[in-house]
């Protein structure tokens, strides 16, 4: 009986491993999603906070060089694999690190799942590649473009006519 169960588990593991696609880490200096933006850290943080709130993340830590946001995971696989008896739903956490360099700021994002978030028994599982990492890199790239593209000038006000209006003929 035990041997049959072990064989079934091994067969299932091999079948699932065959379904897995090879995920690549971003091709950046840190191996994580990152971008260098010509803007201040405060301006970048404000935009990231707005984007995070739009995706239902909560700010859990904010310092001069770090912004940490998280939300309960909606990923069933993550809950199944990373949940615990204490807290069955792990948190999705993103930590943005800021490095001001002259008039630019380097932003590096680290994604992770956190089992037992906010407790003394936190267990962090880094996410180094995959769809979530690619989306984070895409978001950072879009943020860079939006912050570095100059705003279009306001439309010119119509110039008042220099001549007096003609008198109607009667």
Protein backbone atom coordinates (compact mmCIF):
# COMPACT_ATOMS: atom_id res chain seq x y z
CA UNK A 1 0.00 0.00 0.00
CA UNK A 2 2.77 2.43 0.99
CA UNK A 3 4.76 1.60 -2.15
CA UNK A 4 1.69 2.15 -4.34
CA UNK A 5 1.05 5.57 -2.77
CA UNK A 6 4.69 6.60 -3.21
CA UNK A 7 4.55 5.50 -6.86
CA UNK A 8 1.39 7.55 -7.42
CA UNK A 9 2.94 10.64 -5.81
CA UNK A 10 6.12 10.24 -7.89
CA UNK A 11 4.12 9.85 -11.12
CA UNK A 12 2.05 12.92 -10.30
CA UNK A 13 5.17 14.97 -9.51
CA UNK A 14 6.78 13.97 -12.82
CA UNK A 15 3.61 14.81 -14.74
CA UNK A 16 3.35 18.23 -13.10
CA UNK A 17 7.05 18.94 -13.68
CA UNK A 18 6.53 18.31 -17.38
CA UNK A 19 3.85 21.02 -17.46
CA UNK A 20 6.14 23.63 -15.96
CA UNK A 21 7.58 26.22 -18.32
CA UNK A 22 11.06 27.58 -17.90
CA UNK A 23 10.80 31.08 -16.51
CA UNK A 24 13.62 33.55 -16.94
CA UNK A 25 14.69 36.23 -14.52
CA UNK A 26 14.78 39.76 -15.94
CA UNK A 27 17.93 40.69 -17.83
CA UNK A 28 18.96 43.46 -15.41
CA UNK A 29 22.01 44.11 -13.25
CA UNK A 30 20.20 42.86 -10.13
CA UNK A 31 18.36 39.99 -11.83
CA UNK A 32 15.14 41.58 -10.54
CA UNK A 33 12.70 44.02 -12.15
CA UNK A 34 14.40 47.40 -12.17
CA UNK A 35 14.47 50.74 -13.94
CA UNK A 36 16.29 54.06 -13.63
CA UNK A 37 13.96 57.07 -13.78
CA UNK A 38 14.86 60.73 -14.15
CA UNK A 39 12.77 61.85 -11.16
CA UNK A 40 12.98 62.23 -7.39
CA UNK A 41 12.36 59.34 -5.05
CA UNK A 42 9.34 61.14 -3.58
CA UNK A 43 7.71 61.56 -6.99
CA UNK A 44 8.32 57.91 -7.89
CA UNK A 45 6.98 56.70 -4.53
CA UNK A 46 3.81 58.76 -4.97
CA UNK A 47 3.14 57.15 -8.36
CA UNK A 48 3.96 53.65 -7.09
CA UNK A 49 1.62 54.14 -4.11
CA UNK A 50 -1.20 55.11 -6.43
CA UNK A 51 -0.57 52.09 -8.68
CA UNK A 52 -0.36 49.77 -5.66
CA UNK A 53 -3.63 51.06 -4.20
CA UNK A 54 -5.31 50.54 -7.59
CA UNK A 55 -4.31 46.86 -7.34
CA UNK A 56 -5.53 46.61 -3.70
CA UNK A 57 -2.10 46.49 -2.07
CA UNK A 58 -1.57 48.02 1.38
CA UNK A 59 1.57 49.84 2.47
CA UNK A 60 3.27 47.87 5.24
CA UNK A 61 6.60 49.72 5.39
CA UNK A 62 7.89 53.03 4.09
CA UNK A 63 11.38 54.43 4.67
CA UNK A 64 13.63 56.82 2.78
CA UNK A 65 14.99 54.07 0.52
CA UNK A 66 12.27 51.39 0.70
CA UNK A 67 8.56 50.98 0.00
CA UNK A 68 6.88 47.69 0.92
CA UNK A 69 3.34 46.82 -0.20
CA UNK A 70 1.37 43.61 0.23
CA UNK A 71 -2.05 42.02 -0.08
CA UNK A 72 -3.54 38.59 0.63
CA UNK A 73 -2.79 36.26 -2.28
CA UNK A 74 -5.60 35.30 -4.63
CA UNK A 75 -3.46 32.51 -6.10
CA UNK A 76 -4.94 29.12 -5.19
CA UNK A 77 -1.63 27.32 -5.78
CA UNK A 78 0.22 29.69 -3.47
CA UNK A 79 -2.42 29.20 -0.77
CA UNK A 80 -2.22 25.44 -1.16
CA UNK A 81 1.58 25.28 -1.07
CA UNK A 82 2.46 28.20 1.20
CA UNK A 83 -0.48 28.44 3.58
CA UNK A 84 -0.03 27.38 7.19
CA UNK A 85 -2.24 26.33 10.08
CA UNK A 86 -1.73 29.79 11.57
CA UNK A 87 -2.71 31.63 8.39
CA UNK A 88 -3.98 29.68 5.40
CA UNK A 89 -3.56 32.56 2.94
CA UNK A 90 -0.05 33.83 2.22
CA UNK A 91 0.56 37.47 1.31
CA UNK A 92 1.92 38.75 -1.98
CA UNK A 93 4.58 41.29 -1.09
CA UNK A 94 6.54 43.66 -3.31
CA UNK A 95 9.49 45.60 -1.92
CA UNK A 96 10.69 48.58 -3.94
CA UNK A 97 14.20 49.79 -3.15
CA UNK A 98 15.27 53.29 -4.23
CA UNK A 99 18.83 54.43 -4.97
CA UNK A 100 19.12 58.13 -5.84
CA UNK A 101 21.94 58.69 -8.34
CA UNK A 102 22.35 62.36 -9.31
CA UNK A 103 19.14 63.54 -10.94
CA UNK A 104 17.91 59.96 -11.47
CA UNK A 105 16.62 57.23 -9.16
CA UNK A 106 17.23 53.52 -9.60
CA UNK A 107 14.19 51.47 -8.57
CA UNK A 108 14.56 47.72 -7.91
CA UNK A 109 11.50 45.58 -7.15
CA UNK A 110 11.55 42.28 -5.25
CA UNK A 111 8.46 40.06 -5.30
CA UNK A 112 7.74 37.37 -2.76
CA UNK A 113 5.09 35.28 -1.08
CA UNK A 114 5.02 35.54 2.71
CA UNK A 115 3.62 32.78 4.91
CA UNK A 116 2.28 34.10 8.26
CA UNK A 117 2.71 37.77 7.29
CA UNK A 118 3.13 40.23 10.14
CA UNK A 119 3.94 37.56 12.70
CA UNK A 120 7.15 36.41 14.32
CA UNK A 121 6.87 33.26 12.18
CA UNK A 122 7.04 34.89 8.76
CA UNK A 123 8.48 32.68 6.06
CA UNK A 124 9.48 34.42 2.81
CA UNK A 125 9.47 32.66 -0.56
CA UNK A 126 11.12 34.89 -3.20
CA UNK A 127 9.65 35.05 -6.70
CA UNK A 128 12.57 35.48 -9.08
CA UNK A 129 10.96 34.78 -12.45
CA UNK A 130 7.63 34.18 -14.10
CA UNK A 131 4.55 36.08 -15.15
CA UNK A 132 4.34 38.24 -12.00
CA UNK A 133 7.97 39.35 -12.35
CA UNK A 134 7.42 40.17 -16.03
CA UNK A 135 4.33 42.24 -15.16
CA UNK A 136 6.30 44.11 -12.50
CA UNK A 137 9.06 44.90 -15.02
CA UNK A 138 6.45 46.05 -17.54
CA UNK A 139 4.83 48.31 -14.92
CA UNK A 140 8.21 49.84 -14.03
CA UNK A 141 8.97 50.43 -17.73
CA UNK A 142 5.58 52.13 -18.22
CA UNK A 143 6.18 54.23 -15.10
CA UNK A 144 9.54 55.39 -16.47
CA UNK A 145 8.00 56.42 -19.79
CA UNK A 146 5.11 58.25 -18.16
CA UNK A 147 7.36 60.13 -15.72
CA UNK A 148 10.02 61.09 -18.27
CA UNK A 149 7.71 62.11 -21.12
CA UNK A 150 7.19 65.86 -20.94
CA UNK A 151 3.61 66.98 -20.52
CA UNK A 152 2.13 68.53 -23.65
CA UNK A 153 1.89 72.32 -23.51
CA UNK A 154 -1.54 73.71 -22.66
CA UNK A 155 -3.62 74.73 -25.64
CA UNK A 156 -3.02 78.32 -26.71
CA UNK A 157 -5.70 80.81 -25.72
CA UNK A 158 -7.51 82.33 -28.66
CA UNK A 159 -6.15 85.75 -29.58
CA UNK A 160 -8.73 88.52 -29.34
CA UNK A 161 -9.40 90.38 -32.55
CA UNK A 162 -7.59 93.71 -32.76
CA UNK A 163 -10.30 95.36 -34.82
CA UNK A 164 -13.64 96.55 -33.63
CA UNK A 165 -16.56 94.51 -34.84
CA UNK A 166 -18.26 95.97 -37.89
CA UNK A 167 -21.45 97.90 -37.35
CA UNK A 168 -24.51 96.25 -38.80
CA UNK A 169 -25.98 98.06 -41.80
CA UNK A 170 -29.57 99.09 -41.60
